[in-house]
Amino acid sequence: MKSLKINIEENTDVEKLKELLLQVKGVNDIEVIDDENPESELKKAFAKTKEQLKKGDYETLVNDIFDILIKK
């Protein structure tokens, strides 16, 4: 798999940009990484995990962890 890094300005509409890029043939997934605040992604992951545990959604939780371990 190959990836492409794009640096954007702060006032860029990230959702619109994601929408546009997903329409390009060959683009499978887009991940937004905030270099200024790398904790934000980690906090989102923990919040999602916490909600999955509260709901008893263990299968999805295990699948998410498995996906993380398989990806580089």
Protein backbone atom coordinates (compact mmCIF):
# COMPACT_ATOMS: atom_id res chain seq x y z
CA MET A 1 0.00 0.00 0.00
CA LYS A 2 1.16 3.51 -0.78
CA SER A 3 0.12 6.67 0.98
CA LEU A 4 0.07 10.36 0.19
CA LYS A 5 0.68 13.12 2.72
CA ILE A 6 -1.09 16.43 2.18
CA ASN A 7 -0.47 19.46 4.39
CA ILE A 8 -3.47 21.76 4.70
CA GLU A 9 -4.09 25.21 6.14
CA GLU A 10 -5.88 25.54 9.46
CA ASN A 11 -9.08 26.99 8.03
CA THR A 12 -9.52 24.18 5.46
CA ASP A 13 -12.86 22.36 5.47
CA VAL A 14 -11.44 18.90 6.17
CA GLU A 15 -14.74 17.06 5.67
CA LYS A 16 -15.24 18.58 2.20
CA LEU A 17 -11.65 17.73 1.28
CA LYS A 18 -12.14 14.12 2.44
CA GLU A 19 -15.37 13.93 0.41
CA LEU A 20 -13.57 15.20 -2.69
CA LEU A 21 -10.57 12.90 -2.34
CA LEU A 22 -12.72 9.80 -1.76
CA GLN A 23 -14.23 10.36 -5.22
CA VAL A 24 -10.81 9.89 -6.84
CA LYS A 25 -10.33 6.43 -8.34
CA GLY A 26 -7.94 4.35 -6.26
CA VAL A 27 -8.45 6.26 -2.99
CA ASN A 28 -9.65 3.73 -0.41
CA ASP A 29 -9.42 5.57 2.88
CA ILE A 30 -8.51 8.97 4.28
CA GLU A 31 -7.12 9.51 7.75
CA VAL A 32 -6.75 13.01 9.16
CA ILE A 33 -3.82 13.37 11.55
CA ASP A 34 -3.42 16.54 13.58
CA ASP A 35 0.33 16.93 14.18
CA GLU A 36 -0.39 19.78 16.56
CA ASN A 37 -2.62 17.60 18.71
CA PRO A 38 -1.73 13.90 18.30
CA GLU A 39 -3.55 13.11 21.55
CA SER A 40 -6.87 13.85 19.87
CA GLU A 41 -6.79 10.62 17.86
CA LEU A 42 -5.82 8.61 20.91
CA LYS A 43 -8.59 10.21 22.97
CA LYS A 44 -11.13 9.38 20.25
CA ALA A 45 -9.98 5.76 20.23
CA PHE A 46 -10.28 5.46 24.00
CA ALA A 47 -13.71 7.09 23.98
CA LYS A 48 -14.89 4.67 21.28
CA THR A 49 -13.50 1.70 23.23
CA LYS A 50 -15.21 2.88 26.41
CA GLU A 51 -18.56 3.15 24.62
CA GLN A 52 -18.13 -0.30 23.07
CA LEU A 53 -17.46 -1.81 26.50
CA LYS A 54 -20.49 -0.06 28.01
CA LYS A 55 -22.71 -1.42 25.24
CA GLY A 56 -21.23 -4.91 25.49
CA ASP A 57 -20.06 -4.70 21.90
CA TYR A 58 -17.06 -6.94 22.46
CA GLU A 59 -16.95 -8.36 18.94
CA THR A 60 -16.44 -4.94 17.35
CA LEU A 61 -13.90 -4.03 20.02
CA VAL A 62 -11.87 -7.18 19.33
CA ASN A 63 -12.11 -6.57 15.57
CA ASP A 64 -10.88 -2.98 16.00
CA ILE A 65 -7.91 -4.13 18.09
CA PHE A 66 -7.14 -6.87 15.56
CA ASP A 67 -7.21 -4.30 12.73
CA ILE A 68 -4.78 -2.06 14.65
CA LEU A 69 -2.39 -4.96 15.20
CA ILE A 70 -2.45 -6.01 11.53
CA LYS A 71 -1.89 -2.50 10.16
CA LYS A 72 1.58 -1.03 10.32
